[in-house]
């Protein structure tokens, strides 16, 4: 069992991906936009084992997980493909300033341990 990672992200964006997956209905897109994409302020992130919870959405069946610290920026970003309900999406989560280096190390450890399973 992996440790739980909890933090507040500064920016989160979720969009439909891959292209050949079912189209999101208008209600789903509106809910994602209002709860995550267009919501101002910090968004709560909880990572527990192989599930990433963003606000009230749970993302599972994670694939293609990547974490990075962009050049010349005080931030870290994690990107992954996942499923929520019966739909699929591509998720970008960014933490700026603060403890971004410590968080990056936690995310890399989580990712590496998750992929070992």
PDB file of N, CA and C in Angstrom:
ATOM      1  N   UNK A   1       0.843  -1.178   0.000  1.00  0.00           N
ATOM      2  CA  UNK A   1       0.000   0.000   0.000  1.00  0.00           C
ATOM      3  C   UNK A   1       0.890   1.243   0.000  1.00  0.00           C
ATOM      4  N   UNK A   2       0.613   2.153  -0.899  1.00  0.00           N
ATOM      5  CA  UNK A   2       1.399   3.369  -1.041  1.00  0.00           C
ATOM      6  C   UNK A   2       0.879   4.451  -0.093  1.00  0.00           C
ATOM      7  N   UNK A   3       1.756   5.357   0.336  1.00  0.00           N
ATOM      8  CA  UNK A   3       1.280   6.444   1.208  1.00  0.00           C
ATOM      9  C   UNK A   3       0.314   7.363   0.459  1.00  0.00           C
ATOM     10  N   UNK A   4      -0.610   7.939   1.200  1.00  0.00           N
ATOM     11  CA  UNK A   4      -1.565   8.884   0.620  1.00  0.00           C
ATOM     12  C   UNK A   4      -0.860  10.226   0.442  1.00  0.00           C
ATOM     13  N   UNK A   5      -1.058  10.835  -0.713  1.00  0.00           N
ATOM     14  CA  UNK A   5      -0.517  12.167  -1.001  1.00  0.00           C
ATOM     15  C   UNK A   5      -1.694  13.121  -1.108  1.00  0.00           C
ATOM     16  N   UNK A   6      -1.668  14.174  -0.306  1.00  0.00           N
ATOM     17  CA  UNK A   6      -2.726  15.183  -0.341  1.00  0.00           C
ATOM     18  C   UNK A   6      -2.082  16.549  -0.528  1.00  0.00           C
ATOM     19  N   UNK A   7      -2.642  17.325  -1.436  1.00  0.00           N
ATOM     20  CA  UNK A   7      -2.159  18.692  -1.610  1.00  0.00           C
ATOM     21  C   UNK A   7      -3.187  19.513  -2.377  1.00  0.00           C
ATOM     22  N   UNK A   8      -2.947  20.805  -2.429  1.00  0.00           N
ATOM     23  CA  UNK A   8      -3.804  21.702  -3.201  1.00  0.00           C
ATOM     24  C   UNK A   8      -3.043  22.136  -4.441  1.00  0.00           C
ATOM     25  N   UNK A   9      -3.650  21.924  -5.589  1.00  0.00           N
ATOM     26  CA  UNK A   9      -3.039  22.303  -6.866  1.00  0.00           C
ATOM     27  C   UNK A   9      -3.491  23.704  -7.250  1.00  0.00           C
ATOM     28  N   UNK A  10      -2.613  24.403  -7.924  1.00  0.00           N
ATOM     29  CA  UNK A  10      -2.926  25.748  -8.405  1.00  0.00           C
ATOM     30  C   UNK A  10      -3.686  25.721  -9.719  1.00  0.00           C
ATOM     31  N   UNK A  11      -3.379  24.721 -10.530  1.00  0.00           N
ATOM     32  CA  UNK A  11      -4.008  24.640 -11.855  1.00  0.00           C
ATOM     33  C   UNK A  11      -4.258  23.174 -12.193  1.00  0.00           C
ATOM     34  N   UNK A  12      -5.463  22.887 -12.672  1.00  0.00           N
ATOM     35  CA  UNK A  12      -5.806  21.537 -13.117  1.00  0.00           C
ATOM     36  C   UNK A  12      -6.597  21.671 -14.410  1.00  0.00           C
ATOM     37  N   UNK A  13      -6.272  20.814 -15.364  1.00  0.00           N
ATOM     38  CA  UNK A  13      -7.035  20.796 -16.610  1.00  0.00           C
ATOM     39  C   UNK A  13      -7.288  19.339 -16.998  1.00  0.00           C
ATOM     40  N   UNK A  14      -8.548  19.029 -17.282  1.00  0.00           N
ATOM     41  CA  UNK A  14      -8.950  17.687 -17.702  1.00  0.00           C
ATOM     42  C   UNK A  14      -9.648  17.814 -19.046  1.00  0.00           C
ATOM     43  N   UNK A  15      -9.238  16.989 -20.007  1.00  0.00           N
ATOM     44  CA  UNK A  15      -9.906  16.987 -21.304  1.00  0.00           C
ATOM     45  C   UNK A  15     -10.030  15.555 -21.816  1.00  0.00           C
ATOM     46  N   UNK A  16     -10.941  15.360 -22.750  1.00  0.00           N
ATOM     47  CA  UNK A  16     -11.189  14.034 -23.326  1.00  0.00           C
ATOM     48  C   UNK A  16      -9.940  13.564 -24.062  1.00  0.00           C
ATOM     49  N   UNK A  17      -9.579  12.326 -23.811  1.00  0.00           N
ATOM     50  CA  UNK A  17      -8.427  11.728 -24.474  1.00  0.00           C
ATOM     51  C   UNK A  17      -8.441  10.249 -24.171  1.00  0.00           C
ATOM     52  N   UNK A  18      -8.020   9.386 -25.000  1.00  0.00           N
ATOM     53  CA  UNK A  18      -7.636   9.572 -26.396  1.00  0.00           C
ATOM     54  C   UNK A  18      -8.840   9.888 -27.291  1.00  0.00           C
ATOM     55  N   UNK A  19      -8.521  10.261 -28.503  1.00  0.00           N
ATOM     56  CA  UNK A  19      -9.544  10.710 -29.446  1.00  0.00           C
ATOM     57  C   UNK A  19     -10.579   9.636 -29.787  1.00  0.00           C
ATOM     58  N   UNK A  20     -10.184   8.373 -29.739  1.00  0.00           N
ATOM     59  CA  UNK A  20     -11.100   7.300 -30.146  1.00  0.00           C
ATOM     60  C   UNK A  20     -11.968   6.777 -29.000  1.00  0.00           C
ATOM     61  N   UNK A  21     -12.053   7.518 -27.885  1.00  0.00           N
ATOM     62  CA  UNK A  21     -12.903   7.114 -26.764  1.00  0.00           C
ATOM     63  C   UNK A  21     -14.248   7.832 -26.847  1.00  0.00           C
ATOM     64  N   UNK A  22     -15.237   7.355 -26.072  1.00  0.00           N
ATOM     65  CA  UNK A  22     -16.576   7.966 -26.140  1.00  0.00           C
ATOM     66  C   UNK A  22     -16.561   9.482 -25.884  1.00  0.00           C
ATOM     67  N   UNK A  23     -17.387  10.179 -26.627  1.00  0.00           N
ATOM     68  CA  UNK A  23     -17.515  11.633 -26.500  1.00  0.00           C
ATOM     69  C   UNK A  23     -18.192  11.947 -25.172  1.00  0.00           C
ATOM     70  N   UNK A  24     -17.721  12.994 -24.494  1.00  0.00           N
ATOM     71  CA  UNK A  24     -18.343  13.430 -23.252  1.00  0.00           C
ATOM     72  C   UNK A  24     -19.642  14.151 -23.575  1.00  0.00           C
ATOM     73  N   UNK A  25     -20.683  13.854 -22.828  1.00  0.00           N
ATOM     74  CA  UNK A  25     -21.934  14.585 -23.023  1.00  0.00           C
ATOM     75  C   UNK A  25     -21.791  15.989 -22.428  1.00  0.00           C
ATOM     76  N   UNK A  26     -22.731  16.870 -22.751  1.00  0.00           N
ATOM     77  CA  UNK A  26     -22.651  18.271 -22.300  1.00  0.00           C
ATOM     78  C   UNK A  26     -22.634  18.394 -20.784  1.00  0.00           C
ATOM     79  N   UNK A  27     -23.412  17.568 -20.088  1.00  0.00           N
ATOM     80  CA  UNK A  27     -23.460  17.627 -18.635  1.00  0.00           C
ATOM     81  C   UNK A  27     -22.094  17.282 -18.025  1.00  0.00           C
ATOM     82  N   UNK A  28     -21.458  16.235 -18.538  1.00  0.00           N
ATOM     83  CA  UNK A  28     -20.132  15.849 -18.047  1.00  0.00           C
ATOM     84  C   UNK A  28     -19.134  16.969 -18.280  1.00  0.00           C
ATOM     85  N   UNK A  29     -19.110  17.534 -19.496  1.00  0.00           N
ATOM     86  CA  UNK A  29     -18.176  18.618 -19.794  1.00  0.00           C
ATOM     87  C   UNK A  29     -18.423  19.821 -18.882  1.00  0.00           C
ATOM     88  N   UNK A  30     -19.694  20.161 -18.664  1.00  0.00           N
ATOM     89  CA  UNK A  30     -20.039  21.283 -17.784  1.00  0.00           C
ATOM     90  C   UNK A  30     -19.584  21.004 -16.355  1.00  0.00           C
ATOM     91  N   UNK A  31     -19.807  19.775 -15.863  1.00  0.00           N
ATOM     92  CA  UNK A  31     -19.377  19.423 -14.508  1.00  0.00           C
ATOM     93  C   UNK A  31     -17.864  19.492 -14.355  1.00  0.00           C
ATOM     94  N   UNK A  32     -17.126  18.968 -15.327  1.00  0.00           N
ATOM     95  CA  UNK A  32     -15.658  19.037 -15.298  1.00  0.00           C
ATOM     96  C   UNK A  32     -15.206  20.492 -15.332  1.00  0.00           C
ATOM     97  N   UNK A  33     -15.791  21.294 -16.215  1.00  0.00           N
ATOM     98  CA  UNK A  33     -15.408  22.706 -16.314  1.00  0.00           C
ATOM     99  C   UNK A  33     -15.684  23.452 -15.013  1.00  0.00           C
ATOM    100  N   UNK A  34     -16.886  23.283 -14.453  1.00  0.00           N
ATOM    101  CA  UNK A  34     -17.261  24.025 -13.243  1.00  0.00           C
ATOM    102  C   UNK A  34     -16.499  23.555 -12.007  1.00  0.00           C
ATOM    103  N   UNK A  35     -16.240  22.266 -11.899  1.00  0.00           N
ATOM    104  CA  UNK A  35     -15.582  21.724 -10.711  1.00  0.00           C
ATOM    105  C   UNK A  35     -14.067  21.766 -10.772  1.00  0.00           C
ATOM    106  N   UNK A  36     -13.514  21.759 -11.989  1.00  0.00           N
ATOM    107  CA  UNK A  36     -12.059  21.639 -12.125  1.00  0.00           C
ATOM    108  C   UNK A  36     -11.473  22.698 -13.058  1.00  0.00           C
ATOM    109  N   UNK A  37     -11.782  22.598 -14.351  1.00  0.00           N
ATOM    110  CA  UNK A  37     -11.090  23.408 -15.355  1.00  0.00           C
ATOM    111  C   UNK A  37     -11.227  24.917 -15.155  1.00  0.00           C
ATOM    112  N   UNK A  38     -12.423  25.384 -14.879  1.00  0.00           N
ATOM    113  CA  UNK A  38     -12.659  26.830 -14.786  1.00  0.00           C
ATOM    114  C   UNK A  38     -12.812  27.319 -13.346  1.00  0.00           C
ATOM    115  N   UNK A  39     -12.692  26.413 -12.401  1.00  0.00           N
ATOM    116  CA  UNK A  39     -12.824  26.787 -10.991  1.00  0.00           C
ATOM    117  C   UNK A  39     -11.585  27.575 -10.578  1.00  0.00           C
ATOM    118  N   UNK A  40     -11.804  28.740 -10.007  1.00  0.00           N
ATOM    119  CA  UNK A  40     -10.680  29.538  -9.545  1.00  0.00           C
ATOM    120  C   UNK A  40     -10.247  29.059  -8.167  1.00  0.00           C
ATOM    121  N   UNK A  41      -9.046  29.373  -7.816  1.00  0.00           N
ATOM    122  CA  UNK A  41      -8.518  28.958  -6.526  1.00  0.00           C
ATOM    123  C   UNK A  41      -7.906  27.572  -6.588  1.00  0.00           C
ATOM    124  N   UNK A  42      -7.499  27.100  -5.443  1.00  0.00           N
ATOM    125  CA  UNK A  42      -6.841  25.806  -5.348  1.00  0.00           C
ATOM    126  C   UNK A  42      -7.840  24.652  -5.457  1.00  0.00           C
ATOM    127  N   UNK A  43      -7.353  23.554  -6.012  1.00  0.00           N
ATOM    128  CA  UNK A  43      -8.168  22.340  -6.136  1.00  0.00           C
ATOM    129  C   UNK A  43      -7.535  21.250  -5.291  1.00  0.00           C
ATOM    130  N   UNK A  44      -8.347  20.554  -4.494  1.00  0.00           N
ATOM    131  CA  UNK A  44      -7.820  19.493  -3.641  1.00  0.00           C
ATOM    132  C   UNK A  44      -7.500  18.246  -4.455  1.00  0.00           C
ATOM    133  N   UNK A  45      -6.292  17.723  -4.238  1.00  0.00           N
ATOM    134  CA  UNK A  45      -5.820  16.505  -4.884  1.00  0.00           C
ATOM    135  C   UNK A  45      -5.542  15.478  -3.790  1.00  0.00           C
ATOM    136  N   UNK A  46      -6.082  14.284  -3.953  1.00  0.00           N
ATOM    137  CA  UNK A  46      -5.789  13.180  -3.041  1.00  0.00           C
ATOM    138  C   UNK A  46      -5.396  11.983  -3.904  1.00  0.00           C
ATOM    139  N   UNK A  47      -4.185  11.495  -3.677  1.00  0.00           N
ATOM    140  CA  UNK A  47      -3.692  10.335  -4.424  1.00  0.00           C
ATOM    141  C   UNK A  47      -3.585   9.186  -3.440  1.00  0.00           C
ATOM    142  N   UNK A  48      -4.355   8.133  -3.695  1.00  0.00           N
ATOM    143  CA  UNK A  48      -4.359   6.963  -2.818  1.00  0.00           C
ATOM    144  C   UNK A  48      -4.217   5.719  -3.678  1.00  0.00           C
ATOM    145  N   UNK A  49      -3.069   5.089  -3.563  1.00  0.00           N
ATOM    146  CA  UNK A  49      -2.740   3.927  -4.379  1.00  0.00           C
ATOM    147  C   UNK A  49      -2.863   4.261  -5.863  1.00  0.00           C
ATOM    148  N   UNK A  50      -3.820   3.646  -6.570  1.00  0.00           N
ATOM    149  CA  UNK A  50      -3.928   3.859  -8.017  1.00  0.00           C
ATOM    150  C   UNK A  50      -5.142   4.715  -8.378  1.00  0.00           C
ATOM    151  N   UNK A  51      -5.572   5.568  -7.456  1.00  0.00           N
ATOM    152  CA  UNK A  51      -6.699   6.471  -7.697  1.00  0.00           C
ATOM    153  C   UNK A  51      -6.267   7.899  -7.387  1.00  0.00           C
ATOM    154  N   UNK A  52      -6.600   8.815  -8.300  1.00  0.00           N
ATOM    155  CA  UNK A  52      -6.354  10.239  -8.079  1.00  0.00           C
ATOM    156  C   UNK A  52      -7.709  10.913  -7.987  1.00  0.00           C
ATOM    157  N   UNK A  53      -7.963  11.538  -6.844  1.00  0.00           N
ATOM    158  CA  UNK A  53      -9.215  12.261  -6.647  1.00  0.00           C
ATOM    159  C   UNK A  53      -8.934  13.747  -6.793  1.00  0.00           C
ATOM    160  N   UNK A  54      -9.697  14.384  -7.669  1.00  0.00           N
ATOM    161  CA  UNK A  54      -9.623  15.826  -7.881  1.00  0.00           C
ATOM    162  C   UNK A  54     -11.009  16.362  -7.583  1.00  0.00           C
ATOM    163  N   UNK A  55     -11.092  17.166  -6.519  1.00  0.00           N
ATOM    164  CA  UNK A  55     -12.390  17.644  -6.049  1.00  0.00           C
ATOM    165  C   UNK A  55     -13.294  16.422  -5.870  1.00  0.00           C
ATOM    166  N   UNK A  56     -14.415  16.321  -6.576  1.00  0.00           N
ATOM    167  CA  UNK A  56     -15.344  15.196  -6.392  1.00  0.00           C
ATOM    168  C   UNK A  56     -15.226  14.127  -7.477  1.00  0.00           C
ATOM    169  N   UNK A  57     -14.194  14.185  -8.285  1.00  0.00           N
ATOM    170  CA  UNK A  57     -14.011  13.212  -9.366  1.00  0.00           C
ATOM    171  C   UNK A  57     -12.888  12.245  -9.007  1.00  0.00           C
ATOM    172  N   UNK A  58     -13.124  10.954  -9.226  1.00  0.00           N
ATOM    173  CA  UNK A  58     -12.099   9.936  -9.007  1.00  0.00           C
ATOM    174  C   UNK A  58     -11.626   9.404 -10.347  1.00  0.00           C
ATOM    175  N   UNK A  59     -10.315   9.456 -10.540  1.00  0.00           N
ATOM    176  CA  UNK A  59      -9.692   8.980 -11.762  1.00  0.00           C
ATOM    177  C   UNK A  59      -8.940   7.693 -11.446  1.00  0.00           C
ATOM    178  N   UNK A  60      -9.176   6.654 -12.247  1.00  0.00           N
ATOM    179  CA  UNK A  60      -8.565   5.344 -12.027  1.00  0.00           C
ATOM    180  C   UNK A  60      -8.053   4.813 -13.363  1.00  0.00           C
ATOM    181  N   UNK A  61      -7.533   3.601 -13.356  1.00  0.00           N
ATOM    182  CA  UNK A  61      -6.948   2.989 -14.561  1.00  0.00           C
ATOM    183  C   UNK A  61      -5.919   3.939 -15.179  1.00  0.00           C
ATOM    184  N   UNK A  62      -5.027   4.416 -14.343  1.00  0.00           N
ATOM    185  CA  UNK A  62      -4.029   5.408 -14.759  1.00  0.00           C
ATOM    186  C   UNK A  62      -3.032   4.818 -15.745  1.00  0.00           C
ATOM    187  N   UNK A  63      -2.691   5.615 -16.756  1.00  0.00           N
ATOM    188  CA  UNK A  63      -1.701   5.216 -17.762  1.00  0.00           C
ATOM    189  C   UNK A  63      -0.847   6.424 -18.112  1.00  0.00           C
ATOM    190  N   UNK A  64       0.321   6.157 -18.652  1.00  0.00           N
ATOM    191  CA  UNK A  64       1.220   7.186 -19.170  1.00  0.00           C
ATOM    192  C   UNK A  64       1.391   8.333 -18.169  1.00  0.00           C
ATOM    193  N   UNK A  65       1.845   7.984 -16.973  1.00  0.00           N
ATOM    194  CA  UNK A  65       2.035   8.964 -15.910  1.00  0.00           C
ATOM    195  C   UNK A  65       3.392   9.640 -16.085  1.00  0.00           C
ATOM    196  N   UNK A  66       3.392  10.954 -16.039  1.00  0.00           N
ATOM    197  CA  UNK A  66       4.634  11.710 -16.122  1.00  0.00           C
ATOM    198  C   UNK A  66       4.623  12.846 -15.125  1.00  0.00           C
ATOM    199  N   UNK A  67       5.782  13.137 -14.558  1.00  0.00           N
ATOM    200  CA  UNK A  67       5.922  14.266 -13.631  1.00  0.00           C
ATOM    201  C   UNK A  67       7.134  15.065 -14.077  1.00  0.00           C
ATOM    202  N   UNK A  68       7.031  16.393 -13.958  1.00  0.00           N
ATOM    203  CA  UNK A  68       8.152  17.217 -14.411  1.00  0.00           C
ATOM    204  C   UNK A  68       8.229  18.522 -13.640  1.00  0.00           C
ATOM    205  N   UNK A  69       9.411  19.114 -13.688  1.00  0.00           N
ATOM    206  CA  UNK A  69       9.642  20.466 -13.204  1.00  0.00           C
ATOM    207  C   UNK A  69      10.144  21.238 -14.415  1.00  0.00           C
ATOM    208  N   UNK A  70       9.320  22.124 -14.965  1.00  0.00           N
ATOM    209  CA  UNK A  70       9.727  22.870 -16.160  1.00  0.00           C
ATOM    210  C   UNK A  70      10.913  23.794 -15.880  1.00  0.00           C
ATOM    211  N   UNK A  71      11.761  23.975 -16.879  1.00  0.00           N
ATOM    212  CA  UNK A  71      12.879  24.908 -16.757  1.00  0.00           C
ATOM    213  C   UNK A  71      12.381  26.297 -16.406  1.00  0.00           C
ATOM    214  N   UNK A  72      13.106  26.981 -15.534  1.00  0.00           N
ATOM    215  CA  UNK A  72      12.881  28.381 -15.190  1.00  0.00           C
ATOM    216  C   UNK A  72      11.550  28.647 -14.494  1.00  0.00           C
ATOM    217  N   UNK A  73      10.904  27.600 -13.940  1.00  0.00           N
ATOM    218  CA  UNK A  73       9.637  27.793 -13.239  1.00  0.00           C
ATOM    219  C   UNK A  73       9.715  27.124 -11.875  1.00  0.00           C
ATOM    220  N   UNK A  74       9.102  27.731 -10.905  1.00  0.00           N
ATOM    221  CA  UNK A  74       9.020  27.157  -9.563  1.00  0.00           C
ATOM    222  C   UNK A  74       7.699  26.410  -9.439  1.00  0.00           C
ATOM    223  N   UNK A  75       7.631  25.259 -10.103  1.00  0.00           N
ATOM    224  CA  UNK A  75       6.407  24.463 -10.089  1.00  0.00           C
ATOM    225  C   UNK A  75       6.711  23.041 -10.522  1.00  0.00           C
ATOM    226  N   UNK A  76       5.781  22.147 -10.210  1.00  0.00           N
ATOM    227  CA  UNK A  76       5.859  20.786 -10.742  1.00  0.00           C
ATOM    228  C   UNK A  76       4.493  20.416 -11.311  1.00  0.00           C
ATOM    229  N   UNK A  77       4.529  19.559 -12.311  1.00  0.00           N
ATOM    230  CA  UNK A  77       3.312  19.142 -12.996  1.00  0.00           C
ATOM    231  C   UNK A  77       3.304  17.633 -13.119  1.00  0.00           C
ATOM    232  N   UNK A  78       2.139  17.057 -12.923  1.00  0.00           N
ATOM    233  CA  UNK A  78       1.945  15.630 -13.179  1.00  0.00           C
ATOM    234  C   UNK A  78       0.865  15.519 -14.258  1.00  0.00           C
ATOM    235  N   UNK A  79       1.089  14.644 -15.211  1.00  0.00           N
ATOM    236  CA  UNK A  79       0.173  14.441 -16.328  1.00  0.00           C
ATOM    237  C   UNK A  79      -0.070  12.938 -16.449  1.00  0.00           C
ATOM    238  N   UNK A  80      -1.314  12.566 -16.730  1.00  0.00           N
ATOM    239  CA  UNK A  80      -1.621  11.149 -16.906  1.00  0.00           C
ATOM    240  C   UNK A  80      -2.916  10.982 -17.677  1.00  0.00           C
ATOM    241  N   UNK A  81      -3.085   9.787 -18.233  1.00  0.00           N
ATOM    242  CA  UNK A  81      -4.352   9.388 -18.834  1.00  0.00           C
ATOM    243  C   UNK A  81      -5.082   8.560 -17.795  1.00  0.00           C
ATOM    244  N   UNK A  82      -6.410   8.694 -17.754  1.00  0.00           N
ATOM    245  CA  UNK A  82      -7.174   7.959 -16.752  1.00  0.00           C
ATOM    246  C   UNK A  82      -8.617   7.788 -17.195  1.00  0.00           C
ATOM    247  N   UNK A  83      -9.312   7.012 -16.413  1.00  0.00           N
ATOM    248  CA  UNK A  83     -10.735   6.779 -16.628  1.00  0.00           C
ATOM    249  C   UNK A  83     -11.480   7.337 -15.419  1.00  0.00           C
ATOM    250  N   UNK A  84     -12.641   7.939 -15.664  1.00  0.00           N
ATOM    251  CA  UNK A  84     -13.531   8.345 -14.574  1.00  0.00           C
ATOM    252  C   UNK A  84     -14.923   7.929 -15.004  1.00  0.00           C
ATOM    253  N   UNK A  85     -15.546   7.082 -14.164  1.00  0.00           N
ATOM    254  CA  UNK A  85     -16.782   6.448 -14.602  1.00  0.00           C
ATOM    255  C   UNK A  85     -16.476   5.603 -15.818  1.00  0.00           C
ATOM    256  N   UNK A  86     -17.256   5.785 -16.878  1.00  0.00           N
ATOM    257  CA  UNK A  86     -17.022   5.039 -18.122  1.00  0.00           C
ATOM    258  C   UNK A  86     -16.300   5.886 -19.166  1.00  0.00           C
ATOM    259  N   UNK A  87     -15.885   7.089 -18.772  1.00  0.00           N
ATOM    260  CA  UNK A  87     -15.242   8.012 -19.715  1.00  0.00           C
ATOM    261  C   UNK A  87     -13.742   8.084 -19.483  1.00  0.00           C
ATOM    262  N   UNK A  88     -13.041   8.627 -20.483  1.00  0.00           N
ATOM    263  CA  UNK A  88     -11.587   8.704 -20.437  1.00  0.00           C
ATOM    264  C   UNK A  88     -11.138  10.148 -20.566  1.00  0.00           C
ATOM    265  N   UNK A  89     -10.010  10.455 -19.924  1.00  0.00           N
ATOM    266  CA  UNK A  89      -9.507  11.818 -19.994  1.00  0.00           C
ATOM    267  C   UNK A  89      -8.009  11.878 -19.828  1.00  0.00           C
ATOM    268  N   UNK A  90      -7.487  13.048 -20.124  1.00  0.00           N
ATOM    269  CA  UNK A  90      -6.079  13.389 -19.961  1.00  0.00           C
ATOM    270  C   UNK A  90      -6.046  14.479 -18.909  1.00  0.00           C
ATOM    271  N   UNK A  91      -5.235  14.302 -17.854  1.00  0.00           N
ATOM    272  CA  UNK A  91      -5.261  15.193 -16.703  1.00  0.00           C
ATOM    273  C   UNK A  91      -3.902  15.856 -16.528  1.00  0.00           C
ATOM    274  N   UNK A  92      -3.915  17.170 -16.328  1.00  0.00           N
ATOM    275  CA  UNK A  92      -2.716  17.962 -16.056  1.00  0.00           C
ATOM    276  C   UNK A  92      -2.925  18.629 -14.699  1.00  0.00           C
ATOM    277  N   UNK A  93      -2.013  18.408 -13.740  1.00  0.00           N
ATOM    278  CA  UNK A  93      -2.124  19.000 -12.411  1.00  0.00           C
ATOM    279  C   UNK A  93      -0.825  19.741 -12.120  1.00  0.00           C
ATOM    280  N   UNK A  94      -0.931  21.030 -11.776  1.00  0.00           N
ATOM    281  CA  UNK A  94       0.255  21.843 -11.515  1.00  0.00           C
ATOM    282  C   UNK A  94       0.218  22.442 -10.118  1.00  0.00           C
ATOM    283  N   UNK A  95       1.335  22.312  -9.417  1.00  0.00           N
ATOM    284  CA  UNK A  95       1.540  22.929  -8.104  1.00  0.00           C
ATOM    285  C   UNK A  95       2.645  23.956  -8.268  1.00  0.00           C
ATOM    286  N   UNK A  96       2.346  25.208  -7.956  1.00  0.00           N
ATOM    287  CA  UNK A  96       3.318  26.283  -8.092  1.00  0.00           C
ATOM    288  C   UNK A  96       3.872  26.667  -6.727  1.00  0.00           C
ATOM    289  N   UNK A  97       5.138  27.006  -6.716  1.00  0.00           N
ATOM    290  CA  UNK A  97       5.815  27.504  -5.514  1.00  0.00           C
ATOM    291  C   UNK A  97       5.640  26.581  -4.319  1.00  0.00           C
ATOM    292  N   UNK A  98       5.786  27.161  -3.129  1.00  0.00           N
ATOM    293  CA  UNK A  98       5.635  26.381  -1.908  1.00  0.00           C
ATOM    294  C   UNK A  98       6.541  25.167  -1.883  1.00  0.00           C
ATOM    295  N   UNK A  99       5.986  24.031  -1.561  1.00  0.00           N
ATOM    296  CA  UNK A  99       6.755  22.787  -1.419  1.00  0.00           C
ATOM    297  C   UNK A  99       6.777  21.964  -2.705  1.00  0.00           C
ATOM    298  N   UNK A 100       6.879  22.617  -3.858  1.00  0.00           N
ATOM    299  CA  UNK A 100       6.779  21.885  -5.122  1.00  0.00           C
ATOM    300  C   UNK A 100       7.897  20.855  -5.304  1.00  0.00           C
ATOM    301  N   UNK A 101       9.107  21.113  -4.769  1.00  0.00           N
ATOM    302  CA  UNK A 101      10.191  20.134  -4.905  1.00  0.00           C
ATOM    303  C   UNK A 101       9.918  18.883  -4.069  1.00  0.00           C
ATOM    304  N   UNK A 102       9.460  19.072  -2.853  1.00  0.00           N
ATOM    305  CA  UNK A 102       9.096  17.939  -1.997  1.00  0.00           C
ATOM    306  C   UNK A 102       7.953  17.153  -2.635  1.00  0.00           C
ATOM    307  N   UNK A 103       6.958  17.858  -3.151  1.00  0.00           N
ATOM    308  CA  UNK A 103       5.837  17.199  -3.810  1.00  0.00           C
ATOM    309  C   UNK A 103       6.309  16.423  -5.031  1.00  0.00           C
ATOM    310  N   UNK A 104       7.182  17.007  -5.819  1.00  0.00           N
ATOM    311  CA  UNK A 104       7.713  16.314  -7.000  1.00  0.00           C
ATOM    312  C   UNK A 104       8.359  14.991  -6.595  1.00  0.00           C
ATOM    313  N   UNK A 105       9.151  15.011  -5.524  1.00  0.00           N
ATOM    314  CA  UNK A 105       9.793  13.780  -5.055  1.00  0.00           C
ATOM    315  C   UNK A 105       8.757  12.751  -4.601  1.00  0.00           C
ATOM    316  N   UNK A 106       7.707  13.185  -3.922  1.00  0.00           N
ATOM    317  CA  UNK A 106       6.642  12.278  -3.512  1.00  0.00           C
ATOM    318  C   UNK A 106       5.927  11.681  -4.730  1.00  0.00           C
ATOM    319  N   UNK A 107       5.646  12.528  -5.719  1.00  0.00           N
ATOM    320  CA  UNK A 107       4.954  12.062  -6.924  1.00  0.00           C
ATOM    321  C   UNK A 107       5.800  11.057  -7.703  1.00  0.00           C
ATOM    322  N   UNK A 108       7.096  11.322  -7.807  1.00  0.00           N
ATOM    323  CA  UNK A 108       7.983  10.393  -8.521  1.00  0.00           C
ATOM    324  C   UNK A 108       8.066   9.054  -7.791  1.00  0.00           C
ATOM    325  N   UNK A 109       8.150   9.085  -6.478  1.00  0.00           N
ATOM    326  CA  UNK A 109       8.188   7.860  -5.692  1.00  0.00           C
ATOM    327  C   UNK A 109       6.882   7.087  -5.858  1.00  0.00           C
ATOM    328  N   UNK A 110       5.746   7.799  -5.784  1.00  0.00           N
ATOM    329  CA  UNK A 110       4.453   7.157  -5.978  1.00  0.00           C
ATOM    330  C   UNK A 110       4.367   6.524  -7.367  1.00  0.00           C
ATOM    331  N   UNK A 111       4.739   7.281  -8.381  1.00  0.00           N
ATOM    332  CA  UNK A 111       4.686   6.789  -9.763  1.00  0.00           C
ATOM    333  C   UNK A 111       5.555   5.550  -9.931  1.00  0.00           C
ATOM    334  N   UNK A 112       6.787   5.601  -9.452  1.00  0.00           N
ATOM    335  CA  UNK A 112       7.699   4.474  -9.602  1.00  0.00           C
ATOM    336  C   UNK A 112       7.192   3.238  -8.862  1.00  0.00           C
ATOM    337  N   UNK A 113       6.654   3.418  -7.666  1.00  0.00           N
ATOM    338  CA  UNK A 113       6.100   2.283  -6.920  1.00  0.00           C
ATOM    339  C   UNK A 113       4.832   1.746  -7.544  1.00  0.00           C
ATOM    340  N   UNK A 114       4.018   2.618  -8.099  1.00  0.00           N
ATOM    341  CA  UNK A 114       2.778   2.195  -8.741  1.00  0.00           C
ATOM    342  C   UNK A 114       3.062   1.364  -9.988  1.00  0.00           C
ATOM    343  N   UNK A 115       4.060   1.767 -10.761  1.00  0.00           N
ATOM    344  CA  UNK A 115       4.370   1.073 -12.004  1.00  0.00           C
ATOM    345  C   UNK A 115       5.096  -0.240 -11.791  1.00  0.00           C
ATOM    346  N   UNK A 116       5.634  -0.474 -10.586  1.00  0.00           N
ATOM    347  CA  UNK A 116       6.323  -1.713 -10.273  1.00  0.00           C
ATOM    348  C   UNK A 116       5.343  -2.861 -10.105  1.00  0.00           C
ATOM    349  N   UNK A 117       4.108  -2.545  -9.686  1.00  0.00           N
ATOM    350  CA  UNK A 117       3.094  -3.594  -9.433  1.00  0.00           C
ATOM    351  C   UNK A 117       2.903  -4.518 -10.611  1.00  0.00           C
TER     352      UNK A 117
END
